[in-house]
């Protein structure tokens, strides 16, 4: 069997061959470095493996990873699709709702035939059809209390794809307690946002630092205000990208930075924010290292309110 291994990762050894009456020449034969990936995985994930920053080591980390996706709606659907296609080993999906006809405008895991089905079961069917090697754990419930703590503790990264502040605050606190990286996203009307709270870092702010409980930020929900369908795909895909970077340990995550998306003008801007020393949630630990960013941002001014194991 020929191993389907990308050529960029292969180190060549040379073999000398010749034909009677013809000049002797040398050809290269690829030597495959040690890997736990089988032939099917080497082929399936070859476009990831070709990336120097990711390679086999990064893909293996993704395959061992466990992601918790809170919400199987507009953001959770595209996020889960890309996590599954990338080969994340275990995906836990949590959502208490059933598929409704109004969801089909943007929630791309669901279909007309599955209207009335639990969203997590509908999503599990779609993800299994995409990548049968991914273990999908559907949780048909609104995670809270001990159940939330249990799911967060079991995960290497959490994606908050919910649509309300109560859930975001609860997920933030659970991730902080368990030192589990959190990728937060939101989308309403034509505006979206993404940020990362990496609680493995002592200097990471938390979601409460950015949007304090009781701050003058209106909670807008797409069921009331509407949402541009492709925007949810953009934001959910960005969340998946940040989660995969965290699992693989590559790149610079959006820790301490808020990425704002305006799909009406198709513009992106990044604003920096830091830990609030008076934050009642994470303020007990003081920041020691400045976080990367491009512009300063007060959490009152942002336009859209809203463990990794090796």
C-alpha atoms as a PDB file:
ATOM      1  CA  UNK A   1       0.000   0.000   0.000  1.00  0.00           C
ATOM      2  CA  UNK A   2       1.258   3.466  -0.813  1.00  0.00           C
ATOM      3  CA  UNK A   3       1.140   5.801   2.196  1.00  0.00           C
ATOM      4  CA  UNK A   4      -0.633   9.003   1.232  1.00  0.00           C
ATOM      5  CA  UNK A   5       1.836  11.349   2.811  1.00  0.00           C
ATOM      6  CA  UNK A   6       2.338  14.954   1.703  1.00  0.00           C
ATOM      7  CA  UNK A   7       5.675  15.457  -0.027  1.00  0.00           C
ATOM      8  CA  UNK A   8       6.676  18.563   1.962  1.00  0.00           C
ATOM      9  CA  UNK A   9       6.960  16.498   5.138  1.00  0.00           C
ATOM     10  CA  UNK A  10       8.928  13.682   3.510  1.00  0.00           C
ATOM     11  CA  UNK A  11      12.698  13.526   3.883  1.00  0.00           C
ATOM     12  CA  UNK A  12      14.302  11.976   0.845  1.00  0.00           C
ATOM     13  CA  UNK A  13      16.680   9.058   0.736  1.00  0.00           C
ATOM     14  CA  UNK A  14      18.330   8.258  -2.555  1.00  0.00           C
ATOM     15  CA  UNK A  15      18.284   5.073  -4.568  1.00  0.00           C
ATOM     16  CA  UNK A  16      20.625   4.456  -7.506  1.00  0.00           C
ATOM     17  CA  UNK A  17      19.029   2.758 -10.498  1.00  0.00           C
ATOM     18  CA  UNK A  18      20.166   2.049 -14.034  1.00  0.00           C
ATOM     19  CA  UNK A  19      19.178   0.415 -17.278  1.00  0.00           C
ATOM     20  CA  UNK A  20      21.619  -1.498 -19.427  1.00  0.00           C
ATOM     21  CA  UNK A  21      23.082   0.834 -21.964  1.00  0.00           C
ATOM     22  CA  UNK A  22      21.731   3.967 -20.235  1.00  0.00           C
ATOM     23  CA  UNK A  23      23.375   6.410 -17.828  1.00  0.00           C
ATOM     24  CA  UNK A  24      22.958   5.564 -14.142  1.00  0.00           C
ATOM     25  CA  UNK A  25      20.785   8.039 -12.269  1.00  0.00           C
ATOM     26  CA  UNK A  26      19.573   8.544  -8.728  1.00  0.00           C
ATOM     27  CA  UNK A  27      15.963   9.049  -7.693  1.00  0.00           C
ATOM     28  CA  UNK A  28      14.503  10.225  -4.420  1.00  0.00           C
ATOM     29  CA  UNK A  29      12.337   7.929  -2.322  1.00  0.00           C
ATOM     30  CA  UNK A  30      10.295   9.573   0.454  1.00  0.00           C
ATOM     31  CA  UNK A  31      11.039   8.498   4.004  1.00  0.00           C
ATOM     32  CA  UNK A  32       8.083   9.003   6.299  1.00  0.00           C
ATOM     33  CA  UNK A  33       8.810  10.247   9.823  1.00  0.00           C
ATOM     34  CA  UNK A  34       7.266   8.435  12.775  1.00  0.00           C
ATOM     35  CA  UNK A  35       3.555   9.102  13.017  1.00  0.00           C
ATOM     36  CA  UNK A  36       0.525   7.692  14.781  1.00  0.00           C
ATOM     37  CA  UNK A  37      -1.663   8.570  11.813  1.00  0.00           C
ATOM     38  CA  UNK A  38      -2.895   5.759   9.595  1.00  0.00           C
ATOM     39  CA  UNK A  39      -2.967   5.933   5.803  1.00  0.00           C
ATOM     40  CA  UNK A  40      -6.567   7.158   5.656  1.00  0.00           C
ATOM     41  CA  UNK A  41      -5.799   9.961   8.108  1.00  0.00           C
ATOM     42  CA  UNK A  42      -2.639  10.967   6.274  1.00  0.00           C
ATOM     43  CA  UNK A  43      -4.666  11.323   3.098  1.00  0.00           C
ATOM     44  CA  UNK A  44      -7.736  12.955   4.631  1.00  0.00           C
ATOM     45  CA  UNK A  45      -5.832  15.591   6.585  1.00  0.00           C
ATOM     46  CA  UNK A  46      -3.004  16.062   4.079  1.00  0.00           C
ATOM     47  CA  UNK A  47      -3.874  19.716   3.423  1.00  0.00           C
ATOM     48  CA  UNK A  48      -3.415  20.444   7.120  1.00  0.00           C
ATOM     49  CA  UNK A  49      -0.228  18.402   7.310  1.00  0.00           C
ATOM     50  CA  UNK A  50       1.245  20.382   4.413  1.00  0.00           C
ATOM     51  CA  UNK A  51       1.109  23.522   6.550  1.00  0.00           C
ATOM     52  CA  UNK A  52       4.545  23.956   8.109  1.00  0.00           C
ATOM     53  CA  UNK A  53       3.058  25.585  11.195  1.00  0.00           C
ATOM     54  CA  UNK A  54       0.706  22.644  11.764  1.00  0.00           C
ATOM     55  CA  UNK A  55       2.203  19.505  10.272  1.00  0.00           C
ATOM     56  CA  UNK A  56       1.698  15.998  11.626  1.00  0.00           C
ATOM     57  CA  UNK A  57       2.262  17.009  15.237  1.00  0.00           C
ATOM     58  CA  UNK A  58      -0.450  19.655  15.129  1.00  0.00           C
ATOM     59  CA  UNK A  59      -2.910  17.354  13.382  1.00  0.00           C
ATOM     60  CA  UNK A  60      -2.299  14.645  15.946  1.00  0.00           C
ATOM     61  CA  UNK A  61      -3.131  17.119  18.707  1.00  0.00           C
ATOM     62  CA  UNK A  62      -6.359  18.013  16.906  1.00  0.00           C
ATOM     63  CA  UNK A  63      -7.264  14.332  16.599  1.00  0.00           C
ATOM     64  CA  UNK A  64      -6.730  13.882  20.341  1.00  0.00           C
ATOM     65  CA  UNK A  65      -8.674  17.043  21.185  1.00  0.00           C
ATOM     66  CA  UNK A  66     -12.060  17.399  22.863  1.00  0.00           C
ATOM     67  CA  UNK A  67     -14.152  20.483  22.080  1.00  0.00           C
ATOM     68  CA  UNK A  68     -17.344  21.517  23.856  1.00  0.00           C
ATOM     69  CA  UNK A  69     -19.732  23.547  21.681  1.00  0.00           C
ATOM     70  CA  UNK A  70     -22.403  25.337  23.698  1.00  0.00           C
ATOM     71  CA  UNK A  71     -25.280  25.981  21.310  1.00  0.00           C
ATOM     72  CA  UNK A  72     -26.123  24.143  18.072  1.00  0.00           C
ATOM     73  CA  UNK A  73     -27.588  27.166  16.313  1.00  0.00           C
ATOM     74  CA  UNK A  74     -26.320  29.836  13.934  1.00  0.00           C
ATOM     75  CA  UNK A  75     -22.765  29.869  15.314  1.00  0.00           C
ATOM     76  CA  UNK A  76     -22.543  26.334  16.640  1.00  0.00           C
ATOM     77  CA  UNK A  77     -23.460  24.758  13.289  1.00  0.00           C
ATOM     78  CA  UNK A  78     -20.571  26.127  11.182  1.00  0.00           C
ATOM     79  CA  UNK A  79     -18.176  25.868  14.124  1.00  0.00           C
ATOM     80  CA  UNK A  80     -18.998  22.192  14.658  1.00  0.00           C
ATOM     81  CA  UNK A  81     -18.786  21.464  10.927  1.00  0.00           C
ATOM     82  CA  UNK A  82     -15.232  22.773  10.682  1.00  0.00           C
ATOM     83  CA  UNK A  83     -14.157  21.117  13.919  1.00  0.00           C
ATOM     84  CA  UNK A  84     -15.460  17.771  12.665  1.00  0.00           C
ATOM     85  CA  UNK A  85     -13.991  18.191   9.185  1.00  0.00           C
ATOM     86  CA  UNK A  86     -10.620  19.010  10.768  1.00  0.00           C
ATOM     87  CA  UNK A  87     -10.780  15.778  12.768  1.00  0.00           C
ATOM     88  CA  UNK A  88     -11.291  16.933  16.357  1.00  0.00           C
ATOM     89  CA  UNK A  89     -11.470  13.646  18.227  1.00  0.00           C
ATOM     90  CA  UNK A  90     -14.463  14.347  20.447  1.00  0.00           C
ATOM     91  CA  UNK A  91     -17.201  16.943  20.036  1.00  0.00           C
ATOM     92  CA  UNK A  92     -19.697  17.557  22.812  1.00  0.00           C
ATOM     93  CA  UNK A  93     -22.730  19.521  21.587  1.00  0.00           C
ATOM     94  CA  UNK A  94     -25.077  21.084  24.118  1.00  0.00           C
ATOM     95  CA  UNK A  95     -28.435  22.617  23.217  1.00  0.00           C
ATOM     96  CA  UNK A  96     -31.925  22.176  24.670  1.00  0.00           C
ATOM     97  CA  UNK A  97     -33.911  23.309  21.608  1.00  0.00           C
ATOM     98  CA  UNK A  98     -35.561  21.541  18.690  1.00  0.00           C
ATOM     99  CA  UNK A  99     -35.066  22.400  15.025  1.00  0.00           C
ATOM    100  CA  UNK A 100     -37.572  25.023  13.880  1.00  0.00           C
ATOM    101  CA  UNK A 101     -38.341  26.163  10.336  1.00  0.00           C
ATOM    102  CA  UNK A 102     -36.966  29.620  11.165  1.00  0.00           C
ATOM    103  CA  UNK A 103     -33.577  28.034  11.957  1.00  0.00           C
ATOM    104  CA  UNK A 104     -33.020  26.787   8.411  1.00  0.00           C
ATOM    105  CA  UNK A 105     -32.130  30.263   7.129  1.00  0.00           C
ATOM    106  CA  UNK A 106     -28.726  30.059   8.847  1.00  0.00           C
ATOM    107  CA  UNK A 107     -28.287  26.891  10.938  1.00  0.00           C
ATOM    108  CA  UNK A 108     -26.621  24.805   8.273  1.00  0.00           C
ATOM    109  CA  UNK A 109     -26.406  21.465  10.107  1.00  0.00           C
ATOM    110  CA  UNK A 110     -30.183  21.106  10.081  1.00  0.00           C
ATOM    111  CA  UNK A 111     -32.574  20.195   7.243  1.00  0.00           C
ATOM    112  CA  UNK A 112     -36.268  20.396   6.425  1.00  0.00           C
ATOM    113  CA  UNK A 113     -36.617  16.691   7.119  1.00  0.00           C
ATOM    114  CA  UNK A 114     -35.329  17.178  10.670  1.00  0.00           C
ATOM    115  CA  UNK A 115     -37.636  20.011  11.735  1.00  0.00           C
ATOM    116  CA  UNK A 116     -38.950  19.062  15.169  1.00  0.00           C
ATOM    117  CA  UNK A 117     -35.895  16.933  16.002  1.00  0.00           C
ATOM    118  CA  UNK A 118     -33.607  17.884  18.862  1.00  0.00           C
ATOM    119  CA  UNK A 119     -30.902  20.157  17.506  1.00  0.00           C
ATOM    120  CA  UNK A 120     -28.101  18.102  19.029  1.00  0.00           C
ATOM    121  CA  UNK A 121     -29.416  14.903  17.418  1.00  0.00           C
ATOM    122  CA  UNK A 122     -29.843  16.633  14.057  1.00  0.00           C
ATOM    123  CA  UNK A 123     -26.312  18.010  14.317  1.00  0.00           C
ATOM    124  CA  UNK A 124     -24.914  14.620  15.317  1.00  0.00           C
ATOM    125  CA  UNK A 125     -26.417  13.046  12.181  1.00  0.00           C
ATOM    126  CA  UNK A 126     -24.909  15.699   9.928  1.00  0.00           C
ATOM    127  CA  UNK A 127     -21.484  15.490  11.553  1.00  0.00           C
ATOM    128  CA  UNK A 128     -21.423  11.694  11.378  1.00  0.00           C
ATOM    129  CA  UNK A 129     -22.126  11.916   7.645  1.00  0.00           C
ATOM    130  CA  UNK A 130     -19.214  14.327   7.252  1.00  0.00           C
ATOM    131  CA  UNK A 131     -16.662  12.514   9.411  1.00  0.00           C
ATOM    132  CA  UNK A 132     -17.626   9.190  10.948  1.00  0.00           C
ATOM    133  CA  UNK A 133     -14.382   8.994  12.940  1.00  0.00           C
ATOM    134  CA  UNK A 134     -15.323  11.933  15.176  1.00  0.00           C
ATOM    135  CA  UNK A 135     -17.012  10.988  18.440  1.00  0.00           C
ATOM    136  CA  UNK A 136     -20.054  13.247  18.902  1.00  0.00           C
ATOM    137  CA  UNK A 137     -21.656  13.502  22.337  1.00  0.00           C
ATOM    138  CA  UNK A 138     -25.093  15.166  22.133  1.00  0.00           C
ATOM    139  CA  UNK A 139     -26.381  16.801  25.322  1.00  0.00           C
ATOM    140  CA  UNK A 140     -29.982  17.867  24.949  1.00  0.00           C
ATOM    141  CA  UNK A 141     -30.004  20.325  27.800  1.00  0.00           C
ATOM    142  CA  UNK A 142     -29.121  23.842  28.744  1.00  0.00           C
ATOM    143  CA  UNK A 143     -25.849  23.288  30.530  1.00  0.00           C
ATOM    144  CA  UNK A 144     -25.724  24.777  33.998  1.00  0.00           C
ATOM    145  CA  UNK A 145     -24.479  23.962  37.469  1.00  0.00           C
ATOM    146  CA  UNK A 146     -22.724  20.622  37.932  1.00  0.00           C
ATOM    147  CA  UNK A 147     -23.449  19.493  34.361  1.00  0.00           C
ATOM    148  CA  UNK A 148     -21.726  22.576  32.953  1.00  0.00           C
ATOM    149  CA  UNK A 149     -18.723  22.115  35.238  1.00  0.00           C
ATOM    150  CA  UNK A 150     -18.464  18.458  34.211  1.00  0.00           C
ATOM    151  CA  UNK A 151     -18.529  19.190  30.495  1.00  0.00           C
ATOM    152  CA  UNK A 152     -16.058  22.069  30.734  1.00  0.00           C
ATOM    153  CA  UNK A 153     -13.650  20.022  32.862  1.00  0.00           C
ATOM    154  CA  UNK A 154     -13.688  17.234  30.263  1.00  0.00           C
ATOM    155  CA  UNK A 155     -12.972  19.542  27.331  1.00  0.00           C
ATOM    156  CA  UNK A 156      -9.709  20.922  25.968  1.00  0.00           C
ATOM    157  CA  UNK A 157     -11.443  23.980  24.528  1.00  0.00           C
ATOM    158  CA  UNK A 158     -14.936  25.463  24.843  1.00  0.00           C
ATOM    159  CA  UNK A 159     -16.789  27.366  22.124  1.00  0.00           C
ATOM    160  CA  UNK A 160     -19.553  29.602  23.462  1.00  0.00           C
ATOM    161  CA  UNK A 161     -22.050  29.784  20.619  1.00  0.00           C
ATOM    162  CA  UNK A 162     -24.984  30.782  22.818  1.00  0.00           C
ATOM    163  CA  UNK A 163     -27.221  33.803  22.357  1.00  0.00           C
ATOM    164  CA  UNK A 164     -27.712  35.183  25.879  1.00  0.00           C
ATOM    165  CA  UNK A 165     -25.614  36.802  28.584  1.00  0.00           C
ATOM    166  CA  UNK A 166     -26.681  34.430  31.347  1.00  0.00           C
ATOM    167  CA  UNK A 167     -25.163  31.461  29.535  1.00  0.00           C
ATOM    168  CA  UNK A 168     -22.056  33.418  28.549  1.00  0.00           C
ATOM    169  CA  UNK A 169     -21.376  34.442  32.144  1.00  0.00           C
ATOM    170  CA  UNK A 170     -21.923  30.887  33.401  1.00  0.00           C
ATOM    171  CA  UNK A 171     -19.653  29.375  30.724  1.00  0.00           C
ATOM    172  CA  UNK A 172     -17.003  32.017  31.411  1.00  0.00           C
ATOM    173  CA  UNK A 173     -16.972  31.199  35.127  1.00  0.00           C
ATOM    174  CA  UNK A 174     -16.806  27.443  34.540  1.00  0.00           C
ATOM    175  CA  UNK A 175     -13.923  27.834  32.085  1.00  0.00           C
ATOM    176  CA  UNK A 176     -12.089  30.120  34.510  1.00  0.00           C
ATOM    177  CA  UNK A 177     -12.451  27.585  37.323  1.00  0.00           C
ATOM    178  CA  UNK A 178     -11.178  24.743  35.158  1.00  0.00           C
ATOM    179  CA  UNK A 179      -8.531  26.771  33.284  1.00  0.00           C
ATOM    180  CA  UNK A 180     -10.104  25.697  29.994  1.00  0.00           C
ATOM    181  CA  UNK A 181      -9.631  28.058  27.006  1.00  0.00           C
ATOM    182  CA  UNK A 182     -12.860  29.738  25.899  1.00  0.00           C
ATOM    183  CA  UNK A 183     -13.684  30.959  22.392  1.00  0.00           C
ATOM    184  CA  UNK A 184     -16.602  33.370  22.523  1.00  0.00           C
ATOM    185  CA  UNK A 185     -18.656  34.503  19.542  1.00  0.00           C
ATOM    186  CA  UNK A 186     -21.775  36.552  18.897  1.00  0.00           C
ATOM    187  CA  UNK A 187     -23.726  37.680  15.845  1.00  0.00           C
ATOM    188  CA  UNK A 188     -26.817  39.864  15.488  1.00  0.00           C
ATOM    189  CA  UNK A 189     -28.162  41.990  12.649  1.00  0.00           C
ATOM    190  CA  UNK A 190     -25.071  42.585  10.458  1.00  0.00           C
ATOM    191  CA  UNK A 191     -22.472  42.696  13.244  1.00  0.00           C
ATOM    192  CA  UNK A 192     -20.431  39.984  14.881  1.00  0.00           C
ATOM    193  CA  UNK A 193     -17.540  39.512  17.279  1.00  0.00           C
ATOM    194  CA  UNK A 194     -15.042  36.869  18.354  1.00  0.00           C
ATOM    195  CA  UNK A 195     -12.579  36.747  21.224  1.00  0.00           C
ATOM    196  CA  UNK A 196     -10.532  34.170  23.127  1.00  0.00           C
ATOM    197  CA  UNK A 197     -10.133  33.870  26.876  1.00  0.00           C
ATOM    198  CA  UNK A 198      -7.210  31.535  27.524  1.00  0.00           C
ATOM    199  CA  UNK A 199      -7.346  30.841  31.234  1.00  0.00           C
ATOM    200  CA  UNK A 200      -4.129  28.821  31.090  1.00  0.00           C
ATOM    201  CA  UNK A 201      -2.473  32.258  30.958  1.00  0.00           C
ATOM    202  CA  UNK A 202      -2.265  34.206  34.201  1.00  0.00           C
ATOM    203  CA  UNK A 203      -2.727  37.500  32.350  1.00  0.00           C
ATOM    204  CA  UNK A 204      -5.838  36.564  30.373  1.00  0.00           C
ATOM    205  CA  UNK A 205      -8.932  38.704  30.934  1.00  0.00           C
ATOM    206  CA  UNK A 206     -12.292  36.983  31.214  1.00  0.00           C
ATOM    207  CA  UNK A 207     -15.614  37.623  29.484  1.00  0.00           C
ATOM    208  CA  UNK A 208     -16.812  39.561  32.528  1.00  0.00           C
ATOM    209  CA  UNK A 209     -13.880  41.959  32.138  1.00  0.00           C
ATOM    210  CA  UNK A 210     -15.107  42.776  28.640  1.00  0.00           C
ATOM    211  CA  UNK A 211     -18.828  42.911  29.404  1.00  0.00           C
ATOM    212  CA  UNK A 212     -19.411  43.374  33.151  1.00  0.00           C
ATOM    213  CA  UNK A 213     -22.704  42.183  34.549  1.00  0.00           C
ATOM    214  CA  UNK A 214     -24.976  45.227  34.765  1.00  0.00           C
ATOM    215  CA  UNK A 215     -23.002  47.293  32.231  1.00  0.00           C
ATOM    216  CA  UNK A 216     -25.099  49.409  29.833  1.00  0.00           C
ATOM    217  CA  UNK A 217     -24.936  46.898  26.966  1.00  0.00           C
ATOM    218  CA  UNK A 218     -28.236  45.865  25.422  1.00  0.00           C
ATOM    219  CA  UNK A 219     -28.873  42.162  24.918  1.00  0.00           C
ATOM    220  CA  UNK A 220     -30.053  41.717  21.353  1.00  0.00           C
ATOM    221  CA  UNK A 221     -31.302  38.372  20.082  1.00  0.00           C
ATOM    222  CA  UNK A 222     -31.736  37.460  16.452  1.00  0.00           C
ATOM    223  CA  UNK A 223     -35.282  36.193  17.113  1.00  0.00           C
ATOM    224  CA  UNK A 224     -36.220  39.828  17.744  1.00  0.00           C
ATOM    225  CA  UNK A 225     -33.739  41.898  15.733  1.00  0.00           C
ATOM    226  CA  UNK A 226     -32.843  39.481  12.924  1.00  0.00           C
ATOM    227  CA  UNK A 227     -29.456  38.301  11.680  1.00  0.00           C
ATOM    228  CA  UNK A 228     -27.760  38.164   8.276  1.00  0.00           C
ATOM    229  CA  UNK A 229     -27.394  34.458   7.486  1.00  0.00           C
ATOM    230  CA  UNK A 230     -23.795  34.430   6.126  1.00  0.00           C
ATOM    231  CA  UNK A 231     -22.615  36.424   9.159  1.00  0.00           C
ATOM    232  CA  UNK A 232     -23.259  33.443  11.423  1.00  0.00           C
ATOM    233  CA  UNK A 233     -21.094  31.342   9.110  1.00  0.00           C
ATOM    234  CA  UNK A 234     -18.296  33.900   9.251  1.00  0.00           C
ATOM    235  CA  UNK A 235     -18.319  34.162  13.046  1.00  0.00           C
ATOM    236  CA  UNK A 236     -18.765  30.425  13.632  1.00  0.00           C
ATOM    237  CA  UNK A 237     -15.897  29.655  11.243  1.00  0.00           C
ATOM    238  CA  UNK A 238     -13.672  32.142  13.042  1.00  0.00           C
ATOM    239  CA  UNK A 239     -14.517  30.450  16.332  1.00  0.00           C
ATOM    240  CA  UNK A 240     -13.566  27.079  14.853  1.00  0.00           C
ATOM    241  CA  UNK A 241     -10.281  28.534  13.588  1.00  0.00           C
ATOM    242  CA  UNK A 242      -9.397  29.878  17.028  1.00  0.00           C
ATOM    243  CA  UNK A 243     -10.330  26.571  18.673  1.00  0.00           C
ATOM    244  CA  UNK A 244      -8.184  24.561  16.250  1.00  0.00           C
ATOM    245  CA  UNK A 245      -5.235  26.899  16.835  1.00  0.00           C
ATOM    246  CA  UNK A 246      -5.599  26.388  20.573  1.00  0.00           C
ATOM    247  CA  UNK A 247      -5.810  22.611  20.235  1.00  0.00           C
ATOM    248  CA  UNK A 248      -2.804  22.433  17.912  1.00  0.00           C
ATOM    249  CA  UNK A 249      -0.792  25.056  19.785  1.00  0.00           C
ATOM    250  CA  UNK A 250      -0.133  27.185  16.715  1.00  0.00           C
ATOM    251  CA  UNK A 251      -0.455  30.873  15.878  1.00  0.00           C
ATOM    252  CA  UNK A 252      -1.523  33.733  18.100  1.00  0.00           C
ATOM    253  CA  UNK A 253      -5.043  33.392  19.497  1.00  0.00           C
ATOM    254  CA  UNK A 254      -7.361  36.347  20.018  1.00  0.00           C
ATOM    255  CA  UNK A 255      -6.564  36.517  23.722  1.00  0.00           C
ATOM    256  CA  UNK A 256      -6.995  40.088  24.906  1.00  0.00           C
ATOM    257  CA  UNK A 257      -8.331  41.124  21.503  1.00  0.00           C
ATOM    258  CA  UNK A 258     -11.877  41.516  20.243  1.00  0.00           C
ATOM    259  CA  UNK A 259     -12.386  40.939  16.520  1.00  0.00           C
ATOM    260  CA  UNK A 260     -15.376  42.942  15.244  1.00  0.00           C
ATOM    261  CA  UNK A 261     -17.077  42.049  11.959  1.00  0.00           C
ATOM    262  CA  UNK A 262     -19.343  44.394   9.985  1.00  0.00           C
ATOM    263  CA  UNK A 263     -20.915  42.383   7.180  1.00  0.00           C
ATOM    264  CA  UNK A 264     -22.712  45.402   5.709  1.00  0.00           C
ATOM    265  CA  UNK A 265     -19.413  47.053   4.813  1.00  0.00           C
ATOM    266  CA  UNK A 266     -17.431  43.767   4.938  1.00  0.00           C
ATOM    267  CA  UNK A 267     -14.857  45.250   7.263  1.00  0.00           C
ATOM    268  CA  UNK A 268     -12.967  43.733  10.176  1.00  0.00           C
ATOM    269  CA  UNK A 269     -11.262  45.558  13.013  1.00  0.00           C
ATOM    270  CA  UNK A 270      -9.495  44.390  16.131  1.00  0.00           C
ATOM    271  CA  UNK A 271      -9.506  46.187  19.459  1.00  0.00           C
ATOM    272  CA  UNK A 272      -7.391  45.290  22.468  1.00  0.00           C
ATOM    273  CA  UNK A 273      -8.584  44.988  26.037  1.00  0.00           C
ATOM    274  CA  UNK A 274      -6.982  43.790  29.222  1.00  0.00           C
ATOM    275  CA  UNK A 275      -7.897  42.216  32.516  1.00  0.00           C
ATOM    276  CA  UNK A 276     -10.007  44.405  34.766  1.00  0.00           C
ATOM    277  CA  UNK A 277      -8.169  44.442  38.121  1.00  0.00           C
ATOM    278  CA  UNK A 278     -11.501  45.071  39.835  1.00  0.00           C
ATOM    279  CA  UNK A 279     -13.337  42.273  38.037  1.00  0.00           C
ATOM    280  CA  UNK A 280     -15.252  40.287  40.666  1.00  0.00           C
ATOM    281  CA  UNK A 281     -14.806  37.111  38.604  1.00  0.00           C
ATOM    282  CA  UNK A 282     -11.087  37.020  37.782  1.00  0.00           C
ATOM    283  CA  UNK A 283      -9.696  40.171  39.441  1.00  0.00           C
ATOM    284  CA  UNK A 284      -7.966  38.257  42.202  1.00  0.00           C
ATOM    285  CA  UNK A 285      -5.152  37.380  39.794  1.00  0.00           C
ATOM    286  CA  UNK A 286      -3.310  40.435  38.510  1.00  0.00           C
ATOM    287  CA  UNK A 287      -1.941  40.722  34.998  1.00  0.00           C
ATOM    288  CA  UNK A 288       1.835  40.523  34.706  1.00  0.00           C
ATOM    289  CA  UNK A 289       2.416  40.551  30.947  1.00  0.00           C
ATOM    290  CA  UNK A 290       0.907  42.959  28.433  1.00  0.00           C
ATOM    291  CA  UNK A 291      -1.400  41.281  25.938  1.00  0.00           C
ATOM    292  CA  UNK A 292      -1.007  41.805  22.182  1.00  0.00           C
ATOM    293  CA  UNK A 293      -3.393  44.138  20.389  1.00  0.00           C
ATOM    294  CA  UNK A 294      -3.792  46.881  17.844  1.00  0.00           C
ATOM    295  CA  UNK A 295      -6.039  49.488  19.423  1.00  0.00           C
ATOM    296  CA  UNK A 296      -7.181  50.270  22.923  1.00  0.00           C
ATOM    297  CA  UNK A 297     -10.762  49.428  23.860  1.00  0.00           C
ATOM    298  CA  UNK A 298     -12.909  50.077  26.872  1.00  0.00           C
ATOM    299  CA  UNK A 299     -15.422  47.319  27.483  1.00  0.00           C
ATOM    300  CA  UNK A 300     -18.157  49.968  27.506  1.00  0.00           C
ATOM    301  CA  UNK A 301     -17.348  51.118  23.959  1.00  0.00           C
ATOM    302  CA  UNK A 302     -17.362  47.873  21.933  1.00  0.00           C
ATOM    303  CA  UNK A 303     -20.120  47.992  19.372  1.00  0.00           C
ATOM    304  CA  UNK A 304     -21.524  44.465  19.653  1.00  0.00           C
ATOM    305  CA  UNK A 305     -22.643  43.426  23.127  1.00  0.00           C
ATOM    306  CA  UNK A 306     -22.952  40.853  23.349  1.00  0.00           C
ATOM    307  CA  UNK A 307      -7.184  22.359  28.467  1.00  0.00           C
ATOM    308  CA  UNK A 308      -5.580  21.896  25.863  1.00  0.00           C
ATOM    309  CA  UNK A 309      -3.708  18.602  26.613  1.00  0.00           C
ATOM    310  CA  UNK A 310      -0.642  17.761  24.600  1.00  0.00           C
END
